[in-house]
Amino acid sequence: MINAFRHIKKFYAAAVITGCCFLYACENDAQKVKDWTEKIIMQEEAVDIDSYFSQNGVMKARLKAPLMLRVYADTIYVEFPKTLHVDFFDDSARVESRLDSRYGKYFESLNKVYLRDSVTVITVKGDTLKSPDLWWDQNSKMFYTDKYAIYHGVGKNIHGGKGLTATQDLSSVIFNQPTGTVQVSESGFPK
């Protein structure tokens, strides 16, 4: 029993000495802790962008922007803080529609672009879509928003108070809670 008591005493003595060594070795310099734990966001910057995008060897779009920032954060994204212009091409490499916006943000992992501030889409036929806020899904080639939008086309002037979904070439535009005027034929269907 005395032997067991001596071993326990030695164990506690070793634990106390080891603990003191650890406490003495620890240093909590506030600046060093901040440097190690501070979240750092890295970014690349490019100016006068003129970029072409293709998919399966077919030209799909041309993007022009005065400034592009590629940001490495939790989600990697590309930001266009000083306007952007995009020409969308059909399968024959002819421009089918144009997009202008004062701000854009492309989320690479989602293949989606968020556009805001005076977003305008115009087709070669002259159909025009305007919204303060618009998303473009690169995979489905669709625009959508839950904000107010206006669509002008030949014989059409439609306002959507609660958003819309539209194809990239504006051949199909579906409004939520629309108001406006549409010219109709004698049969009652839109012209």
N, C-alpha and C. Protein backbone atom coordinates (compact mmCIF):
# COMPACT_ATOMS: atom_id res chain seq x y z
N MET A 1 0.83 -1.19 0.00
CA MET A 1 0.00 0.00 0.00
C MET A 1 0.87 1.25 0.00
N ILE A 2 1.97 1.21 0.73
CA ILE A 2 2.87 2.36 0.78
C ILE A 2 3.50 2.57 -0.59
N ASN A 3 3.82 1.47 -1.27
CA ASN A 3 4.38 1.58 -2.62
C ASN A 3 3.38 2.24 -3.58
N ALA A 4 2.15 1.88 -3.50
CA ALA A 4 1.13 2.46 -4.36
C ALA A 4 0.98 3.95 -4.08
N PHE A 5 1.06 4.30 -2.77
CA PHE A 5 0.96 5.70 -2.40
C PHE A 5 2.14 6.49 -2.95
N ARG A 6 3.33 5.94 -2.93
CA ARG A 6 4.52 6.61 -3.46
C ARG A 6 4.39 6.82 -4.98
N HIS A 7 3.85 5.82 -5.68
CA HIS A 7 3.67 5.93 -7.13
C HIS A 7 2.65 7.02 -7.48
N ILE A 8 1.62 7.11 -6.69
CA ILE A 8 0.60 8.14 -6.94
C ILE A 8 1.19 9.52 -6.69
N LYS A 9 1.99 9.64 -5.60
CA LYS A 9 2.65 10.90 -5.29
C LYS A 9 3.59 11.32 -6.42
N LYS A 10 4.36 10.36 -6.93
CA LYS A 10 5.29 10.66 -8.04
C LYS A 10 4.51 11.06 -9.30
N PHE A 11 3.40 10.39 -9.54
CA PHE A 11 2.58 10.70 -10.72
C PHE A 11 2.05 12.12 -10.63
N TYR A 12 1.50 12.50 -9.47
CA TYR A 12 0.99 13.86 -9.29
C TYR A 12 2.10 14.90 -9.39
N ALA A 13 3.25 14.61 -8.85
CA ALA A 13 4.39 15.53 -8.92
C ALA A 13 4.80 15.73 -10.38
N ALA A 14 4.85 14.64 -11.15
CA ALA A 14 5.22 14.73 -12.56
C ALA A 14 4.17 15.52 -13.34
N ALA A 15 2.89 15.32 -13.00
CA ALA A 15 1.82 16.04 -13.68
C ALA A 15 1.90 17.53 -13.39
N VAL A 16 2.18 17.89 -12.13
CA VAL A 16 2.27 19.30 -11.76
C VAL A 16 3.47 19.95 -12.45
N ILE A 17 4.59 19.30 -12.48
CA ILE A 17 5.79 19.85 -13.13
C ILE A 17 5.56 20.02 -14.64
N THR A 18 4.96 19.00 -15.27
CA THR A 18 4.67 19.07 -16.70
C THR A 18 3.68 20.21 -16.99
N GLY A 19 2.66 20.35 -16.17
CA GLY A 19 1.68 21.42 -16.34
C GLY A 19 2.33 22.79 -16.22
N CYS A 20 3.24 22.93 -15.25
CA CYS A 20 3.94 24.21 -15.09
C CYS A 20 4.78 24.52 -16.33
N CYS A 21 5.39 23.50 -16.91
CA CYS A 21 6.18 23.71 -18.13
C CYS A 21 5.27 24.20 -19.26
N PHE A 22 4.11 23.60 -19.39
CA PHE A 22 3.18 24.03 -20.44
C PHE A 22 2.71 25.45 -20.21
N LEU A 23 2.39 25.78 -18.97
CA LEU A 23 1.93 27.14 -18.68
C LEU A 23 3.03 28.15 -18.92
N TYR A 24 4.24 27.80 -18.58
CA TYR A 24 5.37 28.70 -18.78
C TYR A 24 5.64 28.89 -20.27
N ALA A 25 5.44 27.83 -21.08
CA ALA A 25 5.73 27.88 -22.51
C ALA A 25 4.65 28.62 -23.29
N CYS A 26 3.44 28.70 -22.80
CA CYS A 26 2.37 29.37 -23.53
C CYS A 26 2.55 30.88 -23.48
N GLU A 27 2.32 31.48 -24.63
CA GLU A 27 2.42 32.93 -24.70
C GLU A 27 1.21 33.42 -25.47
N ASN A 28 0.48 34.33 -24.96
CA ASN A 28 -0.74 34.82 -25.60
C ASN A 28 -0.55 36.26 -26.05
N ASP A 29 0.34 36.46 -27.02
CA ASP A 29 0.51 37.77 -27.61
C ASP A 29 -0.71 38.04 -28.49
N ALA A 30 -1.47 39.06 -28.19
CA ALA A 30 -2.73 39.34 -28.88
C ALA A 30 -2.53 39.53 -30.38
N GLN A 31 -1.47 40.21 -30.78
CA GLN A 31 -1.22 40.45 -32.20
C GLN A 31 -0.92 39.14 -32.94
N LYS A 32 -0.16 38.23 -32.30
CA LYS A 32 0.15 36.95 -32.94
C LYS A 32 -1.11 36.10 -33.09
N VAL A 33 -1.96 36.11 -32.08
CA VAL A 33 -3.21 35.35 -32.15
C VAL A 33 -4.08 35.92 -33.27
N LYS A 34 -4.16 37.24 -33.37
CA LYS A 34 -4.96 37.88 -34.42
C LYS A 34 -4.41 37.53 -35.81
N ASP A 35 -3.08 37.57 -35.96
CA ASP A 35 -2.46 37.25 -37.25
C ASP A 35 -2.78 35.82 -37.68
N TRP A 36 -2.82 34.92 -36.74
CA TRP A 36 -3.08 33.51 -37.06
C TRP A 36 -4.55 33.23 -37.35
N THR A 37 -5.44 33.97 -36.72
CA THR A 37 -6.87 33.68 -36.85
C THR A 37 -7.63 34.63 -37.76
N GLU A 38 -7.01 35.72 -38.20
CA GLU A 38 -7.70 36.70 -39.03
C GLU A 38 -8.04 36.09 -40.40
N LYS A 39 -9.25 36.33 -40.82
CA LYS A 39 -9.71 35.83 -42.12
C LYS A 39 -9.14 36.72 -43.21
N ILE A 40 -8.41 36.12 -44.14
CA ILE A 40 -7.79 36.85 -45.22
C ILE A 40 -8.48 36.48 -46.52
N ILE A 41 -8.93 37.48 -47.26
CA ILE A 41 -9.56 37.26 -48.55
C ILE A 41 -8.59 37.73 -49.62
N MET A 42 -8.22 36.81 -50.50
CA MET A 42 -7.30 37.13 -51.57
C MET A 42 -8.11 37.47 -52.82
N GLN A 43 -7.58 38.39 -53.63
CA GLN A 43 -8.26 38.72 -54.86
C GLN A 43 -7.25 39.09 -55.94
N GLU A 44 -7.67 38.82 -57.18
CA GLU A 44 -6.92 39.21 -58.35
C GLU A 44 -7.70 40.32 -59.04
N GLU A 45 -6.99 41.23 -59.69
CA GLU A 45 -7.65 42.35 -60.36
C GLU A 45 -7.20 42.40 -61.82
N ALA A 46 -8.14 42.64 -62.71
CA ALA A 46 -7.84 42.80 -64.13
C ALA A 46 -8.63 43.99 -64.66
N VAL A 47 -8.06 44.70 -65.63
CA VAL A 47 -8.73 45.86 -66.21
C VAL A 47 -8.91 45.67 -67.71
N ASP A 48 -9.86 46.41 -68.28
CA ASP A 48 -10.18 46.36 -69.72
C ASP A 48 -10.39 44.93 -70.21
N ILE A 49 -11.37 44.26 -69.64
CA ILE A 49 -11.67 42.87 -69.95
C ILE A 49 -12.42 42.77 -71.27
N ASP A 50 -11.99 41.86 -72.11
CA ASP A 50 -12.68 41.50 -73.36
C ASP A 50 -12.51 40.00 -73.48
N SER A 51 -13.53 39.25 -73.06
CA SER A 51 -13.42 37.80 -72.92
C SER A 51 -14.51 37.08 -73.70
N TYR A 52 -14.15 35.98 -74.33
CA TYR A 52 -15.10 35.15 -75.07
C TYR A 52 -15.33 33.85 -74.32
N PHE A 53 -16.59 33.38 -74.31
CA PHE A 53 -16.94 32.15 -73.64
C PHE A 53 -17.50 31.17 -74.66
N SER A 54 -17.02 29.93 -74.61
CA SER A 54 -17.54 28.91 -75.51
C SER A 54 -17.92 27.69 -74.69
N GLN A 55 -18.77 26.87 -75.28
CA GLN A 55 -19.22 25.65 -74.63
C GLN A 55 -19.27 24.57 -75.71
N ASN A 56 -18.54 23.50 -75.49
CA ASN A 56 -18.44 22.41 -76.47
C ASN A 56 -17.99 22.93 -77.83
N GLY A 57 -17.05 23.88 -77.85
CA GLY A 57 -16.51 24.41 -79.08
C GLY A 57 -17.39 25.41 -79.80
N VAL A 58 -18.50 25.82 -79.18
CA VAL A 58 -19.42 26.77 -79.80
C VAL A 58 -19.37 28.08 -79.01
N MET A 59 -19.18 29.21 -79.73
CA MET A 59 -19.13 30.52 -79.09
C MET A 59 -20.49 30.84 -78.47
N LYS A 60 -20.49 31.17 -77.17
CA LYS A 60 -21.74 31.44 -76.46
C LYS A 60 -21.91 32.91 -76.06
N ALA A 61 -20.80 33.58 -75.69
CA ALA A 61 -20.94 34.95 -75.20
C ALA A 61 -19.60 35.69 -75.28
N ARG A 62 -19.72 37.02 -75.28
CA ARG A 62 -18.55 37.90 -75.21
C ARG A 62 -18.83 38.90 -74.09
N LEU A 63 -17.89 39.02 -73.18
CA LEU A 63 -18.04 39.91 -72.03
C LEU A 63 -17.01 41.03 -72.12
N LYS A 64 -17.47 42.24 -71.89
CA LYS A 64 -16.59 43.40 -71.83
C LYS A 64 -16.86 44.13 -70.51
N ALA A 65 -15.78 44.49 -69.81
CA ALA A 65 -15.91 45.20 -68.54
C ALA A 65 -14.64 46.00 -68.28
N PRO A 66 -14.76 47.17 -67.65
CA PRO A 66 -13.56 47.95 -67.34
C PRO A 66 -12.75 47.39 -66.17
N LEU A 67 -13.40 46.65 -65.27
CA LEU A 67 -12.71 46.12 -64.09
C LEU A 67 -13.31 44.78 -63.69
N MET A 68 -12.43 43.83 -63.37
CA MET A 68 -12.87 42.51 -62.91
C MET A 68 -12.04 42.13 -61.69
N LEU A 69 -12.72 41.67 -60.66
CA LEU A 69 -12.06 41.20 -59.44
C LEU A 69 -12.41 39.73 -59.23
N ARG A 70 -11.41 38.87 -59.13
CA ARG A 70 -11.63 37.46 -58.83
C ARG A 70 -11.29 37.29 -57.35
N VAL A 71 -12.29 36.93 -56.56
CA VAL A 71 -12.15 36.89 -55.11
C VAL A 71 -12.15 35.45 -54.62
N TYR A 72 -11.14 35.12 -53.83
CA TYR A 72 -11.01 33.80 -53.23
C TYR A 72 -11.48 33.88 -51.80
N ALA A 73 -12.74 33.55 -51.59
CA ALA A 73 -13.35 33.56 -50.26
C ALA A 73 -13.96 32.18 -50.02
N ASP A 74 -14.93 32.09 -49.11
CA ASP A 74 -15.60 30.80 -48.88
C ASP A 74 -16.14 30.24 -50.19
N THR A 75 -16.74 31.10 -50.98
CA THR A 75 -17.19 30.77 -52.33
C THR A 75 -16.41 31.65 -53.28
N ILE A 76 -15.75 31.05 -54.26
CA ILE A 76 -14.98 31.82 -55.23
C ILE A 76 -15.96 32.52 -56.17
N TYR A 77 -15.74 33.82 -56.38
CA TYR A 77 -16.60 34.56 -57.29
C TYR A 77 -15.79 35.58 -58.06
N VAL A 78 -16.37 36.04 -59.17
CA VAL A 78 -15.78 37.08 -60.00
C VAL A 78 -16.74 38.26 -59.96
N GLU A 79 -16.22 39.42 -59.63
CA GLU A 79 -17.05 40.61 -59.46
C GLU A 79 -16.72 41.66 -60.52
N PHE A 80 -17.75 42.30 -61.04
CA PHE A 80 -17.62 43.39 -62.00
C PHE A 80 -18.24 44.64 -61.38
N PRO A 81 -17.46 45.41 -60.60
CA PRO A 81 -18.04 46.53 -59.85
C PRO A 81 -18.26 47.81 -60.66
N LYS A 82 -17.72 47.89 -61.88
CA LYS A 82 -17.83 49.12 -62.67
C LYS A 82 -18.46 48.85 -64.04
N THR A 83 -19.58 48.23 -64.09
CA THR A 83 -20.35 47.91 -65.29
C THR A 83 -19.82 46.67 -66.03
N LEU A 84 -20.73 46.09 -66.82
CA LEU A 84 -20.37 45.01 -67.71
C LEU A 84 -21.33 44.99 -68.88
N HIS A 85 -20.85 44.48 -70.00
CA HIS A 85 -21.66 44.32 -71.21
C HIS A 85 -21.41 42.91 -71.72
N VAL A 86 -22.50 42.20 -72.07
CA VAL A 86 -22.39 40.84 -72.59
C VAL A 86 -23.20 40.73 -73.87
N ASP A 87 -22.57 40.16 -74.91
CA ASP A 87 -23.27 39.79 -76.13
C ASP A 87 -23.47 38.28 -76.09
N PHE A 88 -24.72 37.82 -76.19
CA PHE A 88 -25.02 36.38 -76.22
C PHE A 88 -25.18 35.95 -77.67
N PHE A 89 -24.59 34.82 -78.03
CA PHE A 89 -24.62 34.33 -79.41
C PHE A 89 -25.53 33.11 -79.53
N ASP A 90 -26.16 32.98 -80.71
CA ASP A 90 -26.93 31.77 -80.99
C ASP A 90 -25.97 30.68 -81.49
N ASP A 91 -26.48 29.55 -81.91
CA ASP A 91 -25.62 28.44 -82.34
C ASP A 91 -24.83 28.74 -83.62
N SER A 92 -25.25 29.78 -84.35
CA SER A 92 -24.55 30.18 -85.57
C SER A 92 -23.57 31.32 -85.31
N ALA A 93 -23.28 31.61 -84.06
CA ALA A 93 -22.36 32.67 -83.62
C ALA A 93 -22.84 34.06 -84.01
N ARG A 94 -24.15 34.25 -84.13
CA ARG A 94 -24.74 35.57 -84.36
C ARG A 94 -25.27 36.08 -83.03
N VAL A 95 -25.15 37.39 -82.81
CA VAL A 95 -25.64 37.99 -81.56
C VAL A 95 -27.16 37.84 -81.53
N GLU A 96 -27.68 37.24 -80.43
CA GLU A 96 -29.13 37.10 -80.27
C GLU A 96 -29.67 38.06 -79.23
N SER A 97 -28.82 38.46 -78.26
CA SER A 97 -29.25 39.44 -77.27
C SER A 97 -28.02 40.08 -76.63
N ARG A 98 -28.28 41.24 -76.02
CA ARG A 98 -27.22 42.00 -75.34
C ARG A 98 -27.67 42.31 -73.92
N LEU A 99 -26.71 42.34 -73.02
CA LEU A 99 -27.01 42.63 -71.62
C LEU A 99 -26.08 43.72 -71.13
N ASP A 100 -26.63 44.69 -70.41
CA ASP A 100 -25.84 45.73 -69.76
C ASP A 100 -26.27 45.84 -68.31
N SER A 101 -25.29 46.05 -67.43
CA SER A 101 -25.56 46.19 -66.01
C SER A 101 -24.45 47.01 -65.39
N ARG A 102 -24.77 47.72 -64.34
CA ARG A 102 -23.75 48.50 -63.64
C ARG A 102 -22.94 47.67 -62.66
N TYR A 103 -23.44 46.48 -62.32
CA TYR A 103 -22.73 45.61 -61.37
C TYR A 103 -23.07 44.16 -61.69
N GLY A 104 -22.08 43.29 -61.55
CA GLY A 104 -22.31 41.87 -61.75
C GLY A 104 -21.40 41.04 -60.86
N LYS A 105 -21.89 39.85 -60.49
CA LYS A 105 -21.12 38.95 -59.64
C LYS A 105 -21.37 37.52 -60.10
N TYR A 106 -20.31 36.86 -60.57
CA TYR A 106 -20.41 35.50 -61.11
C TYR A 106 -19.94 34.51 -60.06
N PHE A 107 -20.83 33.58 -59.68
CA PHE A 107 -20.51 32.54 -58.71
C PHE A 107 -20.10 31.29 -59.48
N GLU A 108 -18.80 30.99 -59.48
CA GLU A 108 -18.26 29.92 -60.31
C GLU A 108 -18.85 28.55 -60.00
N SER A 109 -18.97 28.22 -58.74
CA SER A 109 -19.45 26.89 -58.37
C SER A 109 -20.93 26.69 -58.71
N LEU A 110 -21.67 27.76 -58.84
CA LEU A 110 -23.10 27.70 -59.15
C LEU A 110 -23.41 27.92 -60.63
N ASN A 111 -22.44 28.47 -61.36
CA ASN A 111 -22.64 28.88 -62.76
C ASN A 111 -23.81 29.86 -62.88
N LYS A 112 -23.87 30.80 -61.94
CA LYS A 112 -24.92 31.81 -61.94
C LYS A 112 -24.30 33.19 -61.79
N VAL A 113 -24.97 34.17 -62.39
CA VAL A 113 -24.51 35.55 -62.33
C VAL A 113 -25.62 36.40 -61.70
N TYR A 114 -25.24 37.18 -60.70
CA TYR A 114 -26.17 38.13 -60.08
C TYR A 114 -25.88 39.51 -60.68
N LEU A 115 -26.90 40.15 -61.21
CA LEU A 115 -26.78 41.47 -61.83
C LEU A 115 -27.67 42.45 -61.08
N ARG A 116 -27.18 43.66 -60.90
CA ARG A 116 -28.02 44.66 -60.24
C ARG A 116 -27.67 46.05 -60.75
N ASP A 117 -28.60 46.96 -60.53
CA ASP A 117 -28.44 48.37 -60.86
C ASP A 117 -28.54 48.60 -62.36
N SER A 118 -29.75 48.91 -62.81
CA SER A 118 -30.02 49.24 -64.21
C SER A 118 -29.70 48.09 -65.16
N VAL A 119 -30.24 46.93 -64.90
CA VAL A 119 -30.01 45.76 -65.75
C VAL A 119 -30.94 45.86 -66.97
N THR A 120 -30.37 45.73 -68.16
CA THR A 120 -31.12 45.80 -69.41
C THR A 120 -30.69 44.68 -70.33
N VAL A 121 -31.67 43.96 -70.87
CA VAL A 121 -31.44 42.92 -71.87
C VAL A 121 -32.21 43.31 -73.11
N ILE A 122 -31.53 43.34 -74.26
CA ILE A 122 -32.16 43.72 -75.52
C ILE A 122 -31.85 42.65 -76.56
N THR A 123 -32.90 42.16 -77.25
CA THR A 123 -32.70 41.17 -78.32
C THR A 123 -32.48 41.88 -79.64
N VAL A 124 -32.05 41.13 -80.67
CA VAL A 124 -31.84 41.72 -81.99
C VAL A 124 -33.17 42.17 -82.60
N LYS A 125 -34.29 41.60 -82.15
CA LYS A 125 -35.61 42.01 -82.62
C LYS A 125 -36.08 43.31 -81.96
N GLY A 126 -35.38 43.73 -80.91
CA GLY A 126 -35.76 44.95 -80.20
C GLY A 126 -36.53 44.72 -78.92
N ASP A 127 -36.83 43.47 -78.59
CA ASP A 127 -37.50 43.19 -77.32
C ASP A 127 -36.56 43.60 -76.18
N THR A 128 -37.12 44.24 -75.17
CA THR A 128 -36.30 44.80 -74.10
C THR A 128 -36.83 44.37 -72.74
N LEU A 129 -35.94 43.94 -71.87
CA LEU A 129 -36.26 43.58 -70.49
C LEU A 129 -35.42 44.45 -69.58
N LYS A 130 -36.07 45.12 -68.61
CA LYS A 130 -35.36 45.97 -67.66
C LYS A 130 -35.77 45.58 -66.25
N SER A 131 -34.77 45.56 -65.36
CA SER A 131 -35.03 45.23 -63.96
C SER A 131 -33.91 45.81 -63.10
N PRO A 132 -34.20 46.15 -61.85
CA PRO A 132 -33.14 46.63 -60.97
C PRO A 132 -32.24 45.49 -60.48
N ASP A 133 -32.68 44.25 -60.65
CA ASP A 133 -32.02 43.12 -60.03
C ASP A 133 -32.37 41.88 -60.85
N LEU A 134 -31.37 41.12 -61.32
CA LEU A 134 -31.65 39.99 -62.18
C LEU A 134 -30.59 38.91 -61.98
N TRP A 135 -30.99 37.65 -62.04
CA TRP A 135 -30.07 36.51 -62.01
C TRP A 135 -30.05 35.88 -63.39
N TRP A 136 -28.88 35.39 -63.79
CA TRP A 136 -28.76 34.63 -65.04
C TRP A 136 -28.15 33.29 -64.71
N ASP A 137 -28.85 32.21 -65.08
CA ASP A 137 -28.37 30.85 -64.86
C ASP A 137 -27.69 30.39 -66.15
N GLN A 138 -26.39 30.20 -66.09
CA GLN A 138 -25.61 29.84 -67.27
C GLN A 138 -26.01 28.47 -67.81
N ASN A 139 -26.32 27.52 -66.95
CA ASN A 139 -26.65 26.17 -67.39
C ASN A 139 -28.00 26.11 -68.11
N SER A 140 -29.01 26.76 -67.55
CA SER A 140 -30.35 26.71 -68.15
C SER A 140 -30.60 27.85 -69.15
N LYS A 141 -29.67 28.81 -69.23
CA LYS A 141 -29.80 29.99 -70.11
C LYS A 141 -31.09 30.75 -69.81
N MET A 142 -31.35 30.93 -68.53
CA MET A 142 -32.58 31.60 -68.08
C MET A 142 -32.23 32.81 -67.21
N PHE A 143 -33.06 33.85 -67.34
CA PHE A 143 -33.02 35.00 -66.45
C PHE A 143 -34.17 34.85 -65.46
N TYR A 144 -33.96 35.30 -64.23
CA TYR A 144 -35.06 35.32 -63.27
C TYR A 144 -34.81 36.37 -62.19
N THR A 145 -35.91 36.82 -61.61
CA THR A 145 -35.85 37.79 -60.53
C THR A 145 -37.14 37.71 -59.72
N ASP A 146 -37.11 38.20 -58.51
CA ASP A 146 -38.33 38.33 -57.72
C ASP A 146 -38.64 39.82 -57.52
N LYS A 147 -37.94 40.67 -58.25
CA LYS A 147 -38.12 42.12 -58.18
C LYS A 147 -38.99 42.60 -59.36
N TYR A 148 -39.30 43.87 -59.34
CA TYR A 148 -40.07 44.53 -60.39
C TYR A 148 -39.31 44.42 -61.71
N ALA A 149 -40.03 44.21 -62.81
CA ALA A 149 -39.41 44.14 -64.14
C ALA A 149 -40.36 44.70 -65.19
N ILE A 150 -39.79 45.18 -66.27
CA ILE A 150 -40.56 45.73 -67.40
C ILE A 150 -40.09 45.03 -68.67
N TYR A 151 -41.07 44.64 -69.50
CA TYR A 151 -40.77 44.02 -70.78
C TYR A 151 -41.49 44.80 -71.88
N HIS A 152 -40.73 45.23 -72.90
CA HIS A 152 -41.28 45.91 -74.06
C HIS A 152 -40.97 45.06 -75.28
N GLY A 153 -41.98 44.79 -76.06
CA GLY A 153 -41.80 44.07 -77.32
C GLY A 153 -42.79 44.63 -78.33
N VAL A 154 -42.76 44.08 -79.53
CA VAL A 154 -43.69 44.53 -80.57
C VAL A 154 -45.11 44.23 -80.11
N GLY A 155 -45.89 45.28 -79.84
CA GLY A 155 -47.27 45.13 -79.40
C GLY A 155 -47.41 44.70 -77.94
N LYS A 156 -46.33 44.77 -77.18
CA LYS A 156 -46.38 44.33 -75.78
C LYS A 156 -45.71 45.37 -74.89
N ASN A 157 -46.32 45.63 -73.77
CA ASN A 157 -45.76 46.52 -72.76
C ASN A 157 -46.21 45.95 -71.42
N ILE A 158 -45.36 45.12 -70.80
CA ILE A 158 -45.78 44.38 -69.61
C ILE A 158 -44.90 44.75 -68.42
N HIS A 159 -45.54 44.95 -67.28
CA HIS A 159 -44.86 45.25 -66.03
C HIS A 159 -45.12 44.10 -65.07
N GLY A 160 -44.09 43.65 -64.40
CA GLY A 160 -44.26 42.57 -63.42
C GLY A 160 -43.88 43.06 -62.05
N GLY A 161 -44.83 43.05 -61.15
CA GLY A 161 -44.58 43.56 -59.81
C GLY A 161 -43.83 42.62 -58.89
N LYS A 162 -43.88 41.33 -59.18
CA LYS A 162 -43.25 40.35 -58.28
C LYS A 162 -42.29 39.42 -59.02
N GLY A 163 -41.67 39.90 -60.08
CA GLY A 163 -40.63 39.13 -60.72
C GLY A 163 -41.04 38.42 -61.99
N LEU A 164 -40.07 37.67 -62.54
CA LEU A 164 -40.28 36.98 -63.80
C LEU A 164 -39.26 35.87 -63.98
N THR A 165 -39.52 35.05 -64.99
CA THR A 165 -38.59 34.05 -65.49
C THR A 165 -38.60 34.21 -67.00
N ALA A 166 -37.41 34.26 -67.63
CA ALA A 166 -37.33 34.47 -69.08
C ALA A 166 -36.17 33.70 -69.67
N THR A 167 -36.34 33.27 -70.91
CA THR A 167 -35.22 32.63 -71.61
C THR A 167 -34.21 33.71 -71.99
N GLN A 168 -33.00 33.28 -72.25
CA GLN A 168 -31.91 34.20 -72.57
C GLN A 168 -32.21 35.04 -73.82
N ASP A 169 -32.92 34.47 -74.81
CA ASP A 169 -33.25 35.21 -76.03
C ASP A 169 -34.60 35.93 -75.92
N LEU A 170 -35.22 35.90 -74.74
CA LEU A 170 -36.51 36.53 -74.43
C LEU A 170 -37.65 36.01 -75.30
N SER A 171 -37.50 34.79 -75.84
CA SER A 171 -38.59 34.21 -76.61
C SER A 171 -39.73 33.76 -75.70
N SER A 172 -39.43 33.54 -74.43
CA SER A 172 -40.44 33.19 -73.44
C SER A 172 -40.20 34.03 -72.19
N VAL A 173 -41.20 34.83 -71.83
CA VAL A 173 -41.11 35.66 -70.62
C VAL A 173 -42.36 35.40 -69.80
N ILE A 174 -42.17 34.92 -68.58
CA ILE A 174 -43.29 34.62 -67.69
C ILE A 174 -43.20 35.53 -66.48
N PHE A 175 -44.24 36.37 -66.30
CA PHE A 175 -44.27 37.32 -65.19
C PHE A 175 -45.07 36.78 -64.02
N ASN A 176 -44.70 37.21 -62.83
CA ASN A 176 -45.50 36.99 -61.63
C ASN A 176 -46.27 38.28 -61.38
N GLN A 177 -47.57 38.20 -61.29
CA GLN A 177 -48.46 39.35 -61.08
C GLN A 177 -48.23 40.46 -62.12
N PRO A 178 -48.44 40.14 -63.41
CA PRO A 178 -48.19 41.13 -64.45
C PRO A 178 -49.32 42.15 -64.59
N THR A 179 -48.97 43.32 -65.11
CA THR A 179 -49.93 44.33 -65.54
C THR A 179 -49.40 44.91 -66.83
N GLY A 180 -50.28 45.45 -67.68
CA GLY A 180 -49.81 46.06 -68.90
C GLY A 180 -50.77 45.85 -70.05
N THR A 181 -50.28 46.12 -71.26
CA THR A 181 -51.10 45.99 -72.44
C THR A 181 -50.44 45.03 -73.43
N VAL A 182 -51.29 44.28 -74.12
CA VAL A 182 -50.85 43.35 -75.16
C VAL A 182 -51.85 43.46 -76.30
N GLN A 183 -51.35 43.63 -77.52
CA GLN A 183 -52.24 43.66 -78.67
C GLN A 183 -52.71 42.24 -78.95
N VAL A 184 -54.01 42.10 -79.21
CA VAL A 184 -54.58 40.79 -79.48
C VAL A 184 -55.25 40.78 -80.84
N SER A 185 -55.35 39.61 -81.43
CA SER A 185 -56.02 39.47 -82.72
C SER A 185 -57.54 39.38 -82.49
N GLU A 186 -58.28 39.25 -83.55
CA GLU A 186 -59.75 39.17 -83.43
C GLU A 186 -60.19 37.92 -82.68
N SER A 187 -59.34 36.88 -82.70
CA SER A 187 -59.69 35.65 -81.99
C SER A 187 -59.44 35.78 -80.48
N GLY A 188 -58.78 36.86 -80.07
CA GLY A 188 -58.54 37.07 -78.65
C GLY A 188 -57.17 36.62 -78.19
N PHE A 189 -56.37 36.07 -79.09
CA PHE A 189 -55.02 35.63 -78.72
C PHE A 189 -54.01 36.71 -79.05
N PRO A 190 -52.91 36.79 -78.29
CA PRO A 190 -51.90 37.81 -78.59
C PRO A 190 -51.34 37.67 -80.00
N LYS A 191 -51.05 38.80 -80.61
CA LYS A 191 -50.48 38.79 -81.97
C LYS A 191 -49.04 38.35 -81.92
